[in-house]
Amino acid sequence: MMNRKKLIPAVIALCAIALCSFISTTDMNPLQKSDNILSSAEKKSGWKLLFDGKSTKGWRTYKNKEVDSWEVTDGAIYCKSKATKRADLITEEKYGDFELSVDWKVSKAANSGIVWRATEEYGASYESGPEYQLIDDEGYTEKLEDWQKSGADYAMHPPLKIASKPTGQYNHTVLKVKGGHVEQYLNGEKVAEFEMWTPDWEKRKSESKWKDAKGYGMSKAGHICLQDHGGGIWFKNLKIRPL
């Protein structure tokens, strides 16, 4: 029989290993010490970086459009407020079931979103994929409906609570998608949870701006898309893992 002095450290080690196996970004401190890197625990859990902090490698524009609105600056992908040629930025790879982790901030009155499972047979990415809304909730120039506020499943599910930070401060978003089940988090708070393709989902779609967009939300896999909606938004620490 193992003596107690040897048993206790062994139990502690096993607990630590078990904890690492269940690690999720919803439990992590979003203000990590170094940007655009993976911890050992994240690597073991299957995470991969979508952004290296230096280039847009692994990304391209929607439909390969020519743009002058995106740049990499200070370790972040930045969509400029002043530009003449605009288009969304999408991952080269497609994803079906995944957990996505992103840090983002907006300038005053800025508006953007993260579109997922996006496809390219439409004029805009949001016509095909659902959108996790990102916006200046306090300083936007027009009155916002609840379904337009940060953390919303845009035009479909309003956020359960307002959890965004003031402009100029980074927010931490986590998006979990497994089949038709979706969970959205903002700064550690669950802001949306819903099931796609259910009667409730279909009803919401038929009563929203997507009522004539037959392909909206129907793809089982697609690109992750950073929306260019006039610029004024920064993204960093973009990470993803398959589910």
Protein backbone atom coordinates (compact mmCIF):
# COMPACT_ATOMS: atom_id res chain seq x y z
CA MET A 1 0.00 0.00 0.00
CA MET A 2 1.28 3.47 -0.90
CA ASN A 3 1.99 5.58 2.18
CA ARG A 4 0.15 8.86 2.70
CA LYS A 5 3.15 11.06 1.92
CA LYS A 6 3.35 9.56 -1.57
CA LEU A 7 -0.42 9.23 -2.08
CA ILE A 8 -1.36 12.90 -1.60
CA PRO A 9 0.98 14.31 -4.31
CA ALA A 10 -0.21 11.59 -6.70
CA VAL A 11 -3.86 12.54 -6.14
CA ILE A 12 -3.07 16.23 -6.66
CA ALA A 13 -1.29 15.44 -9.94
CA LEU A 14 -4.25 13.40 -11.20
CA CYS A 15 -6.65 16.23 -10.36
CA ALA A 16 -4.48 18.72 -12.24
CA ILE A 17 -4.45 16.49 -15.32
CA ALA A 18 -8.23 16.10 -15.19
CA LEU A 19 -8.67 19.86 -14.90
CA CYS A 20 -6.52 20.50 -17.96
CA SER A 21 -8.58 18.08 -20.01
CA PHE A 22 -11.74 20.07 -19.33
CA ILE A 23 -10.23 23.52 -19.75
CA SER A 24 -12.39 26.01 -21.64
CA THR A 25 -11.85 29.65 -22.50
CA THR A 26 -15.06 30.54 -20.67
CA ASP A 27 -13.16 29.76 -17.47
CA MET A 28 -9.91 31.52 -18.40
CA ASN A 29 -8.81 35.02 -17.54
CA PRO A 30 -9.28 36.84 -20.86
CA LEU A 31 -6.50 39.30 -20.02
CA GLN A 32 -3.74 36.83 -20.77
CA LYS A 33 -0.17 37.97 -20.20
CA SER A 34 0.95 37.57 -23.81
CA ASP A 35 -1.23 37.99 -26.88
CA ASN A 36 -1.71 35.64 -29.80
CA ILE A 37 -0.12 32.54 -28.26
CA LEU A 38 -1.42 29.21 -27.00
CA SER A 39 -0.73 27.91 -23.52
CA SER A 40 0.40 24.34 -22.99
CA ALA A 41 -3.07 23.51 -21.63
CA GLU A 42 -4.75 24.97 -24.73
CA LYS A 43 -2.50 22.98 -27.04
CA LYS A 44 -3.32 19.78 -25.15
CA SER A 45 -7.02 20.61 -25.42
CA GLY A 46 -6.87 20.93 -29.21
CA TRP A 47 -6.86 24.69 -29.66
CA LYS A 48 -5.18 26.34 -32.63
CA LEU A 49 -4.38 29.97 -33.39
CA LEU A 50 -6.29 31.72 -36.15
CA PHE A 51 -4.03 34.79 -35.97
CA ASP A 52 -0.27 34.90 -35.44
CA GLY A 53 -0.23 38.54 -34.34
CA LYS A 54 1.88 39.60 -37.32
CA SER A 55 0.01 38.81 -40.52
CA THR A 56 -3.34 37.78 -41.99
CA LYS A 57 -2.00 34.35 -42.90
CA GLY A 58 -4.93 31.93 -42.97
CA TRP A 59 -7.38 34.70 -43.86
CA ARG A 60 -8.67 36.25 -47.08
CA THR A 61 -11.43 38.62 -48.10
CA TYR A 62 -14.98 37.50 -48.82
CA LYS A 63 -15.11 36.42 -52.48
CA ASN A 64 -11.47 37.52 -52.71
CA LYS A 65 -12.48 41.16 -53.11
CA GLU A 66 -9.81 43.84 -53.32
CA VAL A 67 -9.73 45.95 -50.15
CA ASP A 68 -7.74 48.61 -48.34
CA SER A 69 -9.65 48.42 -45.05
CA TRP A 70 -7.77 45.70 -43.15
CA GLU A 71 -4.32 45.84 -41.60
CA VAL A 72 -2.33 44.25 -38.79
CA THR A 73 -1.21 46.76 -36.18
CA ASP A 74 0.09 46.42 -32.61
CA GLY A 75 -0.65 42.69 -32.53
CA ALA A 76 -4.25 43.03 -33.70
CA ILE A 77 -6.23 42.71 -36.92
CA TYR A 78 -7.68 46.18 -37.41
CA CYS A 79 -10.50 47.25 -39.69
CA LYS A 80 -9.87 50.89 -40.54
CA SER A 81 -12.53 53.57 -40.24
CA LYS A 82 -11.23 55.29 -43.36
CA ALA A 83 -11.10 53.10 -46.45
CA THR A 84 -12.37 53.12 -50.02
CA LYS A 85 -12.57 49.37 -50.73
CA ARG A 86 -14.29 47.21 -48.13
CA ALA A 87 -15.09 43.54 -47.65
CA ASP A 88 -15.35 41.07 -44.77
CA LEU A 89 -12.32 39.03 -43.76
CA ILE A 90 -12.85 35.25 -43.64
CA THR A 91 -10.84 32.20 -42.62
CA GLU A 92 -9.45 30.15 -45.47
CA GLU A 93 -10.64 27.00 -43.70
CA LYS A 94 -14.23 26.07 -42.99
CA TYR A 95 -15.55 24.97 -39.60
CA GLY A 96 -18.65 23.07 -38.52
CA ASP A 97 -18.70 22.29 -34.78
CA PHE A 98 -16.24 24.40 -32.83
CA GLU A 99 -15.42 26.61 -29.88
CA LEU A 100 -14.13 30.06 -30.85
CA SER A 101 -12.34 32.51 -28.56
CA VAL A 102 -11.74 36.14 -29.58
CA ASP A 103 -10.74 39.41 -27.91
CA TRP A 104 -12.14 42.55 -29.56
CA LYS A 105 -12.66 46.26 -29.00
CA VAL A 106 -14.52 48.97 -30.87
CA SER A 107 -14.02 52.68 -31.35
CA LYS A 108 -16.84 55.14 -30.66
CA ALA A 109 -20.04 54.38 -32.61
CA ALA A 110 -18.43 51.40 -34.38
CA ASN A 111 -20.38 48.34 -35.46
CA SER A 112 -19.21 44.88 -36.52
CA GLY A 113 -19.83 41.20 -35.97
CA ILE A 114 -18.45 37.68 -36.14
CA VAL A 115 -20.30 35.68 -38.78
CA TRP A 116 -19.88 31.91 -38.65
CA ARG A 117 -20.59 28.98 -40.97
CA ALA A 118 -20.55 31.62 -43.69
CA THR A 119 -20.62 30.63 -47.36
CA GLU A 120 -19.91 32.68 -50.47
CA GLU A 121 -22.86 32.19 -52.80
CA TYR A 122 -24.50 35.39 -51.55
CA GLY A 123 -23.72 39.08 -51.84
CA ALA A 124 -22.71 39.35 -48.19
CA SER A 125 -21.51 36.87 -45.58
CA TYR A 126 -24.35 37.63 -43.15
CA GLU A 127 -26.90 36.38 -45.67
CA SER A 128 -25.64 32.85 -45.07
CA GLY A 129 -24.21 32.66 -41.54
CA PRO A 130 -25.49 33.73 -38.11
CA GLU A 131 -23.78 36.77 -36.62
CA TYR A 132 -22.45 37.34 -33.10
CA GLN A 133 -23.02 41.09 -32.78
CA LEU A 134 -20.23 43.50 -31.76
CA ILE A 135 -21.07 47.19 -31.35
CA ASP A 136 -20.60 50.32 -29.25
CA ASP A 137 -23.70 49.80 -27.11
CA GLU A 138 -23.47 53.17 -25.36
CA GLY A 139 -22.20 55.47 -28.09
CA TYR A 140 -23.87 54.21 -31.26
CA THR A 141 -25.43 57.10 -33.16
CA GLU A 142 -28.83 55.41 -33.62
CA LYS A 143 -31.21 53.84 -31.12
CA LEU A 144 -30.46 50.15 -30.83
CA GLU A 145 -33.01 47.38 -30.55
CA ASP A 146 -32.08 44.63 -28.09
CA TRP A 147 -31.28 42.21 -30.94
CA GLN A 148 -28.68 44.71 -32.22
CA LYS A 149 -26.64 44.89 -29.00
CA SER A 150 -23.30 43.24 -28.27
CA GLY A 151 -23.57 39.52 -27.62
CA ALA A 152 -26.80 39.13 -29.58
CA ASP A 153 -27.36 36.48 -32.20
CA TYR A 154 -28.01 39.39 -34.54
CA ALA A 155 -31.67 39.91 -35.51
CA MET A 156 -32.62 36.56 -33.96
CA HIS A 157 -31.81 36.30 -30.23
CA PRO A 158 -31.26 39.40 -28.05
CA PRO A 159 -28.51 39.11 -25.41
CA LEU A 160 -29.67 37.77 -22.04
CA LYS A 161 -27.75 40.64 -20.44
CA ILE A 162 -25.53 43.56 -21.47
CA ALA A 163 -21.97 42.56 -20.67
CA SER A 164 -19.86 44.65 -23.06
CA LYS A 165 -17.13 47.02 -21.89
CA PRO A 166 -16.80 50.71 -22.85
CA THR A 167 -15.16 51.63 -26.15
CA GLY A 168 -11.40 51.31 -26.16
CA GLN A 169 -11.41 48.31 -23.80
CA TYR A 170 -11.02 44.76 -25.00
CA ASN A 171 -13.94 42.36 -24.62
CA HIS A 172 -13.63 38.57 -24.50
CA THR A 173 -16.02 36.53 -26.63
CA VAL A 174 -16.53 32.77 -26.64
CA LEU A 175 -18.79 31.05 -29.15
CA LYS A 176 -19.63 27.33 -28.90
CA VAL A 177 -21.38 25.59 -31.79
CA LYS A 178 -22.26 21.89 -31.75
CA GLY A 179 -24.72 20.77 -34.39
CA GLY A 180 -27.69 23.08 -33.89
CA HIS A 181 -26.84 23.97 -30.29
CA VAL A 182 -25.24 27.38 -29.82
CA GLU A 183 -23.87 29.12 -26.72
CA GLN A 184 -22.53 32.67 -26.74
CA TYR A 185 -20.46 34.26 -23.96
CA LEU A 186 -19.24 37.81 -23.43
CA ASN A 187 -16.74 38.70 -20.73
CA GLY A 188 -17.52 35.50 -18.84
CA GLU A 189 -21.31 35.95 -18.98
CA LYS A 190 -23.61 33.71 -21.01
CA VAL A 191 -25.44 36.13 -23.31
CA ALA A 192 -27.26 33.69 -25.61
CA GLU A 193 -28.15 30.01 -25.89
CA PHE A 194 -30.40 28.55 -28.55
CA GLU A 195 -31.16 25.63 -30.85
CA MET A 196 -31.08 26.12 -34.59
CA TRP A 197 -33.62 24.65 -37.02
CA THR A 198 -36.32 24.21 -34.36
CA PRO A 199 -39.87 25.58 -34.78
CA ASP A 200 -38.92 28.54 -32.54
CA TRP A 201 -35.81 29.24 -34.63
CA GLU A 202 -37.78 28.99 -37.86
CA LYS A 203 -40.43 31.36 -36.48
CA ARG A 204 -37.82 33.92 -35.49
CA LYS A 205 -36.25 33.70 -38.93
CA SER A 206 -39.60 34.14 -40.70
CA GLU A 207 -40.34 37.27 -38.65
CA SER A 208 -36.90 38.85 -39.03
CA LYS A 209 -34.85 40.44 -41.80
CA TRP A 210 -33.90 36.89 -42.83
CA LYS A 211 -37.42 35.93 -43.89
CA ASP A 212 -36.46 35.98 -47.58
CA ALA A 213 -32.91 34.66 -47.08
CA LYS A 214 -33.49 30.95 -47.62
CA GLY A 215 -29.86 30.03 -47.07
CA TYR A 216 -29.46 31.91 -43.81
CA GLY A 217 -28.27 29.60 -41.02
CA MET A 218 -28.68 26.46 -43.10
CA SER A 219 -25.05 25.54 -43.76
CA LYS A 220 -23.55 22.88 -41.47
CA ALA A 221 -20.03 24.26 -42.00
CA GLY A 222 -18.50 27.46 -43.28
CA HIS A 223 -15.99 30.24 -42.79
CA ILE A 224 -15.44 32.33 -39.66
CA CYS A 225 -15.94 35.91 -40.79
CA LEU A 226 -14.84 39.26 -39.31
CA GLN A 227 -17.31 41.83 -40.54
CA ASP A 228 -16.27 45.09 -42.17
CA HIS A 229 -19.17 47.37 -41.26
CA GLY A 230 -17.38 50.69 -41.62
CA GLY A 231 -14.36 49.81 -39.52
CA GLY A 232 -13.25 50.94 -36.09
CA ILE A 233 -12.73 47.47 -34.63
CA TRP A 234 -9.72 45.43 -33.48
CA PHE A 235 -9.39 41.64 -33.06
CA LYS A 236 -6.68 39.63 -31.29
CA ASN A 237 -6.21 36.27 -29.56
CA LEU A 238 -8.34 34.49 -32.16
CA LYS A 239 -8.39 30.78 -31.32
CA ILE A 240 -10.51 27.81 -32.31
CA ARG A 241 -10.86 24.12 -31.52
CA PRO A 242 -13.08 21.49 -33.09
CA LEU A 243 -15.90 20.01 -30.99
